[in-house]
Amino acid sequence: MKLISIKRETKLEDRYTPKMGLLHAKVTYIKKQFLSIPYKTLHKYRETYYGEVKDCEDCVLAR
């Protein structure tokens, strides 16, 4: 059994960008886990409609 592992999880989230407005995007989180308990997010990114992969720092969360 590994003590530290890395897990990738994809969620559907609402994001807001000034140019496009509100959009629903699949956001992928890469998290570090200790004994199957997530404790740190290493990276998060989203895929655009055109297949590009962008960092989530470019857009602001809605609400």
PDB file of N, CA and C in Angstrom:
ATOM      1  N   MET A   1       0.830  -1.177   0.000  1.00  0.00           N
ATOM      2  CA  MET A   1       0.000   0.000   0.000  1.00  0.00           C
ATOM      3  C   MET A   1       0.882   1.251   0.000  1.00  0.00           C
ATOM      4  N   LYS A   2       0.576   2.169  -0.892  1.00  0.00           N
ATOM      5  CA  LYS A   2       1.339   3.401  -0.976  1.00  0.00           C
ATOM      6  C   LYS A   2       0.852   4.408   0.063  1.00  0.00           C
ATOM      7  N   LEU A   3       1.774   5.126   0.638  1.00  0.00           N
ATOM      8  CA  LEU A   3       1.398   6.172   1.579  1.00  0.00           C
ATOM      9  C   LEU A   3       0.997   7.451   0.847  1.00  0.00           C
ATOM     10  N   ILE A   4       1.775   7.818  -0.166  1.00  0.00           N
ATOM     11  CA  ILE A   4       1.500   9.035  -0.937  1.00  0.00           C
ATOM     12  C   ILE A   4       1.187   8.642  -2.371  1.00  0.00           C
ATOM     13  N   SER A   5       0.078   9.154  -2.886  1.00  0.00           N
ATOM     14  CA  SER A   5      -0.300   8.877  -4.273  1.00  0.00           C
ATOM     15  C   SER A   5      -0.822  10.161  -4.913  1.00  0.00           C
ATOM     16  N   ILE A   6      -0.959  10.139  -6.224  1.00  0.00           N
ATOM     17  CA  ILE A   6      -1.460  11.280  -6.980  1.00  0.00           C
ATOM     18  C   ILE A   6      -2.689  10.822  -7.759  1.00  0.00           C
ATOM     19  N   LYS A   7      -3.766  11.605  -7.685  1.00  0.00           N
ATOM     20  CA  LYS A   7      -5.015  11.237  -8.330  1.00  0.00           C
ATOM     21  C   LYS A   7      -5.496  12.385  -9.207  1.00  0.00           C
ATOM     22  N   ARG A   8      -6.069  12.034 -10.349  1.00  0.00           N
ATOM     23  CA  ARG A   8      -6.622  13.009 -11.277  1.00  0.00           C
ATOM     24  C   ARG A   8      -8.137  12.857 -11.280  1.00  0.00           C
ATOM     25  N   GLU A   9      -8.844  13.974 -11.146  1.00  0.00           N
ATOM     26  CA  GLU A   9     -10.304  13.955 -11.073  1.00  0.00           C
ATOM     27  C   GLU A   9     -10.866  15.066 -11.956  1.00  0.00           C
ATOM     28  N   THR A  10     -11.919  14.760 -12.704  1.00  0.00           N
ATOM     29  CA  THR A  10     -12.547  15.738 -13.602  1.00  0.00           C
ATOM     30  C   THR A  10     -13.959  16.042 -13.116  1.00  0.00           C
ATOM     31  N   LYS A  11     -14.267  17.350 -13.030  1.00  0.00           N
ATOM     32  CA  LYS A  11     -15.584  17.818 -12.617  1.00  0.00           C
ATOM     33  C   LYS A  11     -16.114  18.798 -13.660  1.00  0.00           C
ATOM     34  N   LEU A  12     -17.431  18.924 -13.729  1.00  0.00           N
ATOM     35  CA  LEU A  12     -18.058  19.920 -14.583  1.00  0.00           C
ATOM     36  C   LEU A  12     -18.340  21.147 -13.722  1.00  0.00           C
ATOM     37  N   GLU A  13     -17.763  22.310 -14.095  1.00  0.00           N
ATOM     38  CA  GLU A  13     -17.901  23.524 -13.303  1.00  0.00           C
ATOM     39  C   GLU A  13     -18.369  24.683 -14.161  1.00  0.00           C
ATOM     40  N   ASP A  14     -18.964  25.676 -13.510  1.00  0.00           N
ATOM     41  CA  ASP A  14     -19.331  26.914 -14.172  1.00  0.00           C
ATOM     42  C   ASP A  14     -18.162  27.880 -14.037  1.00  0.00           C
ATOM     43  N   ARG A  15     -17.724  28.411 -15.149  1.00  0.00           N
ATOM     44  CA  ARG A  15     -16.616  29.369 -15.171  1.00  0.00           C
ATOM     45  C   ARG A  15     -17.084  30.631 -15.863  1.00  0.00           C
ATOM     46  N   TYR A  16     -16.482  31.747 -15.523  1.00  0.00           N
ATOM     47  CA  TYR A  16     -16.827  33.018 -16.134  1.00  0.00           C
ATOM     48  C   TYR A  16     -15.575  33.630 -16.734  1.00  0.00           C
ATOM     49  N   THR A  17     -15.650  33.993 -17.999  1.00  0.00           N
ATOM     50  CA  THR A  17     -14.581  34.726 -18.657  1.00  0.00           C
ATOM     51  C   THR A  17     -15.163  36.030 -19.181  1.00  0.00           C
ATOM     52  N   PRO A  18     -14.401  37.118 -19.156  1.00  0.00           N
ATOM     53  CA  PRO A  18     -14.940  38.396 -19.623  1.00  0.00           C
ATOM     54  C   PRO A  18     -15.333  38.384 -21.104  1.00  0.00           C
ATOM     55  N   LYS A  19     -14.624  37.642 -21.933  1.00  0.00           N
ATOM     56  CA  LYS A  19     -14.922  37.639 -23.369  1.00  0.00           C
ATOM     57  C   LYS A  19     -16.129  36.779 -23.721  1.00  0.00           C
ATOM     58  N   MET A  20     -16.260  35.608 -23.087  1.00  0.00           N
ATOM     59  CA  MET A  20     -17.323  34.666 -23.455  1.00  0.00           C
ATOM     60  C   MET A  20     -18.487  34.646 -22.479  1.00  0.00           C
ATOM     61  N   GLY A  21     -18.313  35.183 -21.282  1.00  0.00           N
ATOM     62  CA  GLY A  21     -19.365  35.135 -20.283  1.00  0.00           C
ATOM     63  C   GLY A  21     -19.321  33.815 -19.529  1.00  0.00           C
ATOM     64  N   LEU A  22     -20.477  33.320 -19.119  1.00  0.00           N
ATOM     65  CA  LEU A  22     -20.562  32.083 -18.352  1.00  0.00           C
ATOM     66  C   LEU A  22     -20.428  30.874 -19.261  1.00  0.00           C
ATOM     67  N   LEU A  23     -19.590  29.927 -18.871  1.00  0.00           N
ATOM     68  CA  LEU A  23     -19.454  28.698 -19.647  1.00  0.00           C
ATOM     69  C   LEU A  23     -19.310  27.513 -18.713  1.00  0.00           C
ATOM     70  N   HIS A  24     -19.742  26.380 -19.179  1.00  0.00           N
ATOM     71  CA  HIS A  24     -19.644  25.127 -18.435  1.00  0.00           C
ATOM     72  C   HIS A  24     -18.443  24.370 -18.986  1.00  0.00           C
ATOM     73  N   ALA A  25     -17.459  24.131 -18.134  1.00  0.00           N
ATOM     74  CA  ALA A  25     -16.222  23.515 -18.594  1.00  0.00           C
ATOM     75  C   ALA A  25     -15.870  22.324 -17.707  1.00  0.00           C
ATOM     76  N   LYS A  26     -15.209  21.349 -18.308  1.00  0.00           N
ATOM     77  CA  LYS A  26     -14.678  20.220 -17.552  1.00  0.00           C
ATOM     78  C   LYS A  26     -13.331  20.652 -16.985  1.00  0.00           C
ATOM     79  N   VAL A  27     -13.229  20.670 -15.661  1.00  0.00           N
ATOM     80  CA  VAL A  27     -12.008  21.076 -14.984  1.00  0.00           C
ATOM     81  C   VAL A  27     -11.376  19.835 -14.376  1.00  0.00           C
ATOM     82  N   THR A  28     -10.099  19.630 -14.659  1.00  0.00           N
ATOM     83  CA  THR A  28      -9.372  18.477 -14.159  1.00  0.00           C
ATOM     84  C   THR A  28      -8.441  18.924 -13.037  1.00  0.00           C
ATOM     85  N   TYR A  29      -8.565  18.271 -11.894  1.00  0.00           N
ATOM     86  CA  TYR A  29      -7.726  18.548 -10.733  1.00  0.00           C
ATOM     87  C   TYR A  29      -6.726  17.417 -10.570  1.00  0.00           C
ATOM     88  N   ILE A  30      -5.480  17.762 -10.313  1.00  0.00           N
ATOM     89  CA  ILE A  30      -4.451  16.781  -9.975  1.00  0.00           C
ATOM     90  C   ILE A  30      -4.127  17.006  -8.502  1.00  0.00           C
ATOM     91  N   LYS A  31      -4.457  16.007  -7.661  1.00  0.00           N
ATOM     92  CA  LYS A  31      -4.315  16.152  -6.215  1.00  0.00           C
ATOM     93  C   LYS A  31      -3.350  15.124  -5.654  1.00  0.00           C
ATOM     94  N   LYS A  32      -2.638  15.539  -4.627  1.00  0.00           N
ATOM     95  CA  LYS A  32      -1.755  14.639  -3.899  1.00  0.00           C
ATOM     96  C   LYS A  32      -2.532  14.099  -2.714  1.00  0.00           C
ATOM     97  N   GLN A  33      -2.412  12.783  -2.479  1.00  0.00           N
ATOM     98  CA  GLN A  33      -3.151  12.131  -1.402  1.00  0.00           C
ATOM     99  C   GLN A  33      -2.197  11.439  -0.447  1.00  0.00           C
ATOM    100  N   PHE A  34      -2.556  11.484   0.812  1.00  0.00           N
ATOM    101  CA  PHE A  34      -1.834  10.747   1.845  1.00  0.00           C
ATOM    102  C   PHE A  34      -2.818   9.791   2.480  1.00  0.00           C
ATOM    103  N   LEU A  35      -2.590   8.482   2.342  1.00  0.00           N
ATOM    104  CA  LEU A  35      -3.498   7.439   2.816  1.00  0.00           C
ATOM    105  C   LEU A  35      -4.910   7.640   2.284  1.00  0.00           C
ATOM    106  N   SER A  36      -5.034   7.928   0.994  1.00  0.00           N
ATOM    107  CA  SER A  36      -6.298   8.127   0.277  1.00  0.00           C
ATOM    108  C   SER A  36      -7.091   9.339   0.760  1.00  0.00           C
ATOM    109  N   ILE A  37      -6.448  10.282   1.429  1.00  0.00           N
ATOM    110  CA  ILE A  37      -7.091  11.533   1.841  1.00  0.00           C
ATOM    111  C   ILE A  37      -6.414  12.666   1.092  1.00  0.00           C
ATOM    112  N   PRO A  38      -7.149  13.380   0.226  1.00  0.00           N
ATOM    113  CA  PRO A  38      -6.518  14.470  -0.528  1.00  0.00           C
ATOM    114  C   PRO A  38      -6.144  15.638   0.397  1.00  0.00           C
ATOM    115  N   TYR A  39      -4.919  16.148   0.211  1.00  0.00           N
ATOM    116  CA  TYR A  39      -4.502  17.245   1.071  1.00  0.00           C
ATOM    117  C   TYR A  39      -3.865  18.399   0.306  1.00  0.00           C
ATOM    118  N   LYS A  40      -3.572  18.244  -0.985  1.00  0.00           N
ATOM    119  CA  LYS A  40      -2.950  19.332  -1.729  1.00  0.00           C
ATOM    120  C   LYS A  40      -3.315  19.229  -3.198  1.00  0.00           C
ATOM    121  N   THR A  41      -3.715  20.359  -3.795  1.00  0.00           N
ATOM    122  CA  THR A  41      -3.986  20.409  -5.228  1.00  0.00           C
ATOM    123  C   THR A  41      -2.714  20.866  -5.921  1.00  0.00           C
ATOM    124  N   LEU A  42      -2.178  20.004  -6.784  1.00  0.00           N
ATOM    125  CA  LEU A  42      -0.948  20.332  -7.478  1.00  0.00           C
ATOM    126  C   LEU A  42      -1.196  21.219  -8.693  1.00  0.00           C
ATOM    127  N   HIS A  43      -2.258  20.910  -9.449  1.00  0.00           N
ATOM    128  CA  HIS A  43      -2.531  21.658 -10.678  1.00  0.00           C
ATOM    129  C   HIS A  43      -3.989  21.483 -11.052  1.00  0.00           C
ATOM    130  N   LYS A  44      -4.574  22.502 -11.692  1.00  0.00           N
ATOM    131  CA  LYS A  44      -5.912  22.348 -12.248  1.00  0.00           C
ATOM    132  C   LYS A  44      -5.933  23.030 -13.606  1.00  0.00           C
ATOM    133  N   TYR A  45      -6.598  22.378 -14.544  1.00  0.00           N
ATOM    134  CA  TYR A  45      -6.670  22.896 -15.899  1.00  0.00           C
ATOM    135  C   TYR A  45      -8.005  22.536 -16.504  1.00  0.00           C
ATOM    136  N   ARG A  46      -8.339  23.211 -17.596  1.00  0.00           N
ATOM    137  CA  ARG A  46      -9.607  22.968 -18.269  1.00  0.00           C
ATOM    138  C   ARG A  46      -9.373  22.837 -19.759  1.00  0.00           C
ATOM    139  N   GLU A  47     -10.302  22.159 -20.414  1.00  0.00           N
ATOM    140  CA  GLU A  47     -10.225  21.975 -21.851  1.00  0.00           C
ATOM    141  C   GLU A  47     -11.264  22.874 -22.508  1.00  0.00           C
ATOM    142  N   THR A  48     -10.867  23.596 -23.562  1.00  0.00           N
ATOM    143  CA  THR A  48     -11.776  24.503 -24.246  1.00  0.00           C
ATOM    144  C   THR A  48     -12.615  23.736 -25.258  1.00  0.00           C
ATOM    145  N   TYR A  49     -13.529  24.455 -25.900  1.00  0.00           N
ATOM    146  CA  TYR A  49     -14.377  23.843 -26.919  1.00  0.00           C
ATOM    147  C   TYR A  49     -13.564  23.352 -28.115  1.00  0.00           C
ATOM    148  N   TYR A  50     -12.404  23.970 -28.341  1.00  0.00           N
ATOM    149  CA  TYR A  50     -11.588  23.634 -29.498  1.00  0.00           C
ATOM    150  C   TYR A  50     -10.520  22.598 -29.198  1.00  0.00           C
ATOM    151  N   GLY A  51     -10.510  22.043 -27.988  1.00  0.00           N
ATOM    152  CA  GLY A  51      -9.546  21.007 -27.642  1.00  0.00           C
ATOM    153  C   GLY A  51      -8.272  21.530 -27.010  1.00  0.00           C
ATOM    154  N   GLU A  52      -8.151  22.863 -26.841  1.00  0.00           N
ATOM    155  CA  GLU A  52      -6.980  23.438 -26.188  1.00  0.00           C
ATOM    156  C   GLU A  52      -7.038  23.160 -24.692  1.00  0.00           C
ATOM    157  N   VAL A  53      -5.894  23.043 -24.068  1.00  0.00           N
ATOM    158  CA  VAL A  53      -5.831  22.880 -22.624  1.00  0.00           C
ATOM    159  C   VAL A  53      -5.316  24.193 -22.044  1.00  0.00           C
ATOM    160  N   LYS A  54      -6.101  24.791 -21.112  1.00  0.00           N
ATOM    161  CA  LYS A  54      -5.729  26.071 -20.516  1.00  0.00           C
ATOM    162  C   LYS A  54      -5.669  25.944 -19.004  1.00  0.00           C
ATOM    163  N   ASP A  55      -4.839  26.781 -18.411  1.00  0.00           N
ATOM    164  CA  ASP A  55      -4.730  26.837 -16.968  1.00  0.00           C
ATOM    165  C   ASP A  55      -5.954  27.546 -16.403  1.00  0.00           C
ATOM    166  N   CYS A  56      -6.406  27.185 -15.233  1.00  0.00           N
ATOM    167  CA  CYS A  56      -7.607  27.778 -14.644  1.00  0.00           C
ATOM    168  C   CYS A  56      -7.355  29.157 -14.062  1.00  0.00           C
ATOM    169  N   GLU A  57      -6.137  29.619 -14.030  1.00  0.00           N
ATOM    170  CA  GLU A  57      -5.849  30.964 -13.536  1.00  0.00           C
ATOM    171  C   GLU A  57      -6.329  32.026 -14.518  1.00  0.00           C
ATOM    172  N   ASP A  58      -6.611  31.660 -15.776  1.00  0.00           N
ATOM    173  CA  ASP A  58      -7.037  32.607 -16.795  1.00  0.00           C
ATOM    174  C   ASP A  58      -8.483  33.053 -16.610  1.00  0.00           C
ATOM    175  N   CYS A  59      -9.290  32.269 -15.928  1.00  0.00           N
ATOM    176  CA  CYS A  59     -10.712  32.599 -15.781  1.00  0.00           C
ATOM    177  C   CYS A  59     -11.072  32.696 -14.301  1.00  0.00           C
ATOM    178  N   VAL A  60     -12.133  33.427 -14.027  1.00  0.00           N
ATOM    179  CA  VAL A  60     -12.582  33.681 -12.664  1.00  0.00           C
ATOM    180  C   VAL A  60     -13.805  32.835 -12.383  1.00  0.00           C
ATOM    181  N   LEU A  61     -13.903  32.303 -11.181  1.00  0.00           N
ATOM    182  CA  LEU A  61     -15.064  31.512 -10.802  1.00  0.00           C
ATOM    183  C   LEU A  61     -16.318  32.378 -10.796  1.00  0.00           C
ATOM    184  N   ALA A  62     -17.416  31.826 -11.271  1.00  0.00           N
ATOM    185  CA  ALA A  62     -18.682  32.542 -11.250  1.00  0.00           C
ATOM    186  C   ALA A  62     -19.238  32.559  -9.829  1.00  0.00           C
ATOM    187  N   ARG A  63     -19.955  33.611  -9.512  1.00  0.00           N
ATOM    188  CA  ARG A  63     -20.591  33.834  -8.204  1.00  0.00           C
ATOM    189  C   ARG A  63     -19.686  34.450  -7.255  1.00  0.00           C
TER     190      ARG A  63
END
